[in-house]
Amino acid sequence: MKNIPDNTTVSVREKQIGDTLCIIETAVSATAKETVKAKIKRLIADAAESAPAPKTAA
């Protein structure tokens, strides 16, 4: 992670899944205005609204 503000808590975790090593980096800002859950929900809703309507079978 680059350019992390001083008021941010950073955590790095490693998880071995089979032969794959997953490295998860998280950054939690003390000044965040929304939770991760709320942000993901908003991003999914925004993407669903802007996605083209599926074609229906005739």
N, C-alpha and C. Protein backbone atom coordinates (compact mmCIF):
# COMPACT_ATOMS: atom_id res chain seq x y z
N MET A 1 0.84 -1.18 0.00
CA MET A 1 0.00 0.00 0.00
C MET A 1 0.88 1.23 0.00
N LYS A 2 0.44 2.22 -0.72
CA LYS A 2 1.25 3.41 -0.86
C LYS A 2 0.47 4.63 -0.39
N ASN A 3 1.19 5.65 0.06
CA ASN A 3 0.60 6.93 0.43
C ASN A 3 -0.54 6.79 1.43
N ILE A 4 -0.28 6.14 2.53
CA ILE A 4 -1.29 5.93 3.56
C ILE A 4 -1.21 7.06 4.57
N PRO A 5 -2.33 7.75 4.83
CA PRO A 5 -2.32 8.84 5.81
C PRO A 5 -1.97 8.35 7.21
N ASP A 6 -1.50 9.25 8.06
CA ASP A 6 -1.10 8.89 9.42
C ASP A 6 -2.25 8.38 10.27
N ASN A 7 -3.48 8.80 9.97
CA ASN A 7 -4.62 8.41 10.80
C ASN A 7 -5.25 7.09 10.34
N THR A 8 -4.48 6.25 9.66
CA THR A 8 -4.98 5.00 9.10
C THR A 8 -4.29 3.81 9.76
N THR A 9 -5.09 2.82 10.15
CA THR A 9 -4.58 1.59 10.72
C THR A 9 -4.44 0.57 9.59
N VAL A 10 -3.26 -0.04 9.48
CA VAL A 10 -2.99 -0.99 8.40
C VAL A 10 -2.77 -2.37 9.00
N SER A 11 -3.33 -3.38 8.33
CA SER A 11 -3.18 -4.76 8.75
C SER A 11 -2.83 -5.60 7.53
N VAL A 12 -1.90 -6.54 7.69
CA VAL A 12 -1.52 -7.45 6.61
C VAL A 12 -1.69 -8.87 7.14
N ARG A 13 -2.42 -9.67 6.37
CA ARG A 13 -2.63 -11.07 6.76
C ARG A 13 -2.24 -11.96 5.59
N GLU A 14 -1.76 -13.13 5.93
CA GLU A 14 -1.42 -14.13 4.91
C GLU A 14 -2.29 -15.35 5.15
N LYS A 15 -2.84 -15.91 4.07
CA LYS A 15 -3.69 -17.10 4.17
C LYS A 15 -3.27 -18.07 3.08
N GLN A 16 -2.92 -19.27 3.48
CA GLN A 16 -2.54 -20.31 2.54
C GLN A 16 -3.78 -21.10 2.17
N ILE A 17 -4.10 -21.14 0.87
CA ILE A 17 -5.23 -21.92 0.36
C ILE A 17 -4.66 -22.86 -0.69
N GLY A 18 -4.49 -24.11 -0.30
CA GLY A 18 -3.84 -25.08 -1.19
C GLY A 18 -2.42 -24.64 -1.47
N ASP A 19 -2.08 -24.51 -2.74
CA ASP A 19 -0.73 -24.08 -3.14
C ASP A 19 -0.63 -22.57 -3.33
N THR A 20 -1.71 -21.86 -3.01
CA THR A 20 -1.74 -20.41 -3.24
C THR A 20 -1.64 -19.65 -1.92
N LEU A 21 -0.74 -18.69 -1.88
CA LEU A 21 -0.60 -17.82 -0.72
C LEU A 21 -1.32 -16.51 -1.03
N CYS A 22 -2.35 -16.21 -0.25
CA CYS A 22 -3.10 -14.97 -0.43
C CYS A 22 -2.61 -13.97 0.61
N ILE A 23 -2.27 -12.77 0.17
CA ILE A 23 -1.84 -11.71 1.07
C ILE A 23 -2.91 -10.64 1.04
N ILE A 24 -3.53 -10.40 2.21
CA ILE A 24 -4.62 -9.45 2.32
C ILE A 24 -4.13 -8.24 3.09
N GLU A 25 -4.20 -7.07 2.46
CA GLU A 25 -3.82 -5.82 3.10
C GLU A 25 -5.08 -4.99 3.30
N THR A 26 -5.29 -4.53 4.51
CA THR A 26 -6.45 -3.68 4.79
C THR A 26 -5.97 -2.38 5.41
N ALA A 27 -6.70 -1.33 5.14
CA ALA A 27 -6.40 -0.02 5.72
C ALA A 27 -7.71 0.55 6.25
N VAL A 28 -7.73 0.91 7.52
CA VAL A 28 -8.92 1.45 8.16
C VAL A 28 -8.63 2.89 8.53
N SER A 29 -9.42 3.78 7.98
CA SER A 29 -9.25 5.21 8.24
C SER A 29 -10.11 5.65 9.42
N ALA A 30 -9.53 6.42 10.29
CA ALA A 30 -10.28 6.96 11.43
C ALA A 30 -11.27 8.02 10.99
N THR A 31 -11.10 8.54 9.79
CA THR A 31 -11.98 9.60 9.30
C THR A 31 -12.97 9.11 8.24
N ALA A 32 -13.10 7.80 8.09
CA ALA A 32 -14.02 7.25 7.09
C ALA A 32 -15.44 7.69 7.39
N LYS A 33 -16.19 7.94 6.32
CA LYS A 33 -17.56 8.41 6.48
C LYS A 33 -18.59 7.30 6.28
N GLU A 34 -18.15 6.11 5.85
CA GLU A 34 -19.07 4.98 5.72
C GLU A 34 -18.32 3.68 6.00
N THR A 35 -19.07 2.65 6.37
CA THR A 35 -18.46 1.35 6.66
C THR A 35 -18.18 0.62 5.35
N VAL A 36 -17.37 -0.42 5.42
CA VAL A 36 -17.09 -1.23 4.24
C VAL A 36 -18.39 -1.85 3.73
N LYS A 37 -19.21 -2.34 4.65
CA LYS A 37 -20.48 -2.96 4.26
C LYS A 37 -21.35 -1.97 3.49
N ALA A 38 -21.47 -0.75 3.99
CA ALA A 38 -22.29 0.27 3.34
C ALA A 38 -21.70 0.64 1.97
N LYS A 39 -20.38 0.72 1.89
CA LYS A 39 -19.74 1.09 0.62
C LYS A 39 -19.95 0.01 -0.43
N ILE A 40 -19.75 -1.25 -0.07
CA ILE A 40 -19.94 -2.34 -1.02
C ILE A 40 -21.40 -2.39 -1.48
N LYS A 41 -22.33 -2.23 -0.54
CA LYS A 41 -23.75 -2.22 -0.88
C LYS A 41 -24.06 -1.09 -1.87
N ARG A 42 -23.51 0.10 -1.63
CA ARG A 42 -23.72 1.24 -2.51
C ARG A 42 -23.11 1.00 -3.89
N LEU A 43 -21.88 0.44 -3.94
CA LEU A 43 -21.24 0.16 -5.22
C LEU A 43 -22.01 -0.86 -6.05
N ILE A 44 -22.53 -1.90 -5.39
CA ILE A 44 -23.33 -2.91 -6.10
C ILE A 44 -24.62 -2.29 -6.62
N ALA A 45 -25.29 -1.49 -5.80
CA ALA A 45 -26.53 -0.84 -6.22
C ALA A 45 -26.28 0.11 -7.39
N ASP A 46 -25.21 0.88 -7.33
CA ASP A 46 -24.87 1.80 -8.42
C ASP A 46 -24.58 1.05 -9.72
N ALA A 47 -23.85 -0.06 -9.61
CA ALA A 47 -23.52 -0.85 -10.80
C ALA A 47 -24.78 -1.49 -11.39
N ALA A 48 -25.69 -1.93 -10.53
CA ALA A 48 -26.93 -2.54 -11.02
C ALA A 48 -27.80 -1.52 -11.73
N GLU A 49 -27.83 -0.31 -11.23
CA GLU A 49 -28.63 0.75 -11.86
C GLU A 49 -28.07 1.16 -13.21
N SER A 50 -26.75 1.15 -13.35
CA SER A 50 -26.14 1.61 -14.59
C SER A 50 -25.94 0.48 -15.62
N ALA A 51 -26.19 -0.75 -15.22
CA ALA A 51 -26.02 -1.88 -16.15
C ALA A 51 -27.17 -1.90 -17.15
N PRO A 52 -26.88 -2.30 -18.39
CA PRO A 52 -27.96 -2.39 -19.38
C PRO A 52 -28.95 -3.49 -18.99
N ALA A 53 -30.20 -3.29 -19.33
CA ALA A 53 -31.22 -4.28 -19.02
C ALA A 53 -30.96 -5.55 -19.84
N PRO A 54 -31.16 -6.71 -19.24
CA PRO A 54 -30.92 -7.96 -19.98
C PRO A 54 -31.98 -8.13 -21.08
N LYS A 55 -31.58 -8.73 -22.17
CA LYS A 55 -32.50 -8.99 -23.27
C LYS A 55 -33.40 -10.16 -22.89
N THR A 56 -34.66 -10.06 -23.23
CA THR A 56 -35.59 -11.14 -22.92
C THR A 56 -35.79 -12.00 -24.15
N ALA A 57 -36.04 -13.27 -23.92
CA ALA A 57 -36.26 -14.20 -25.03
C ALA A 57 -37.62 -13.92 -25.66
N ALA A 58 -37.68 -14.00 -26.95
CA ALA A 58 -38.94 -13.72 -27.66
C ALA A 58 -39.77 -14.96 -27.82
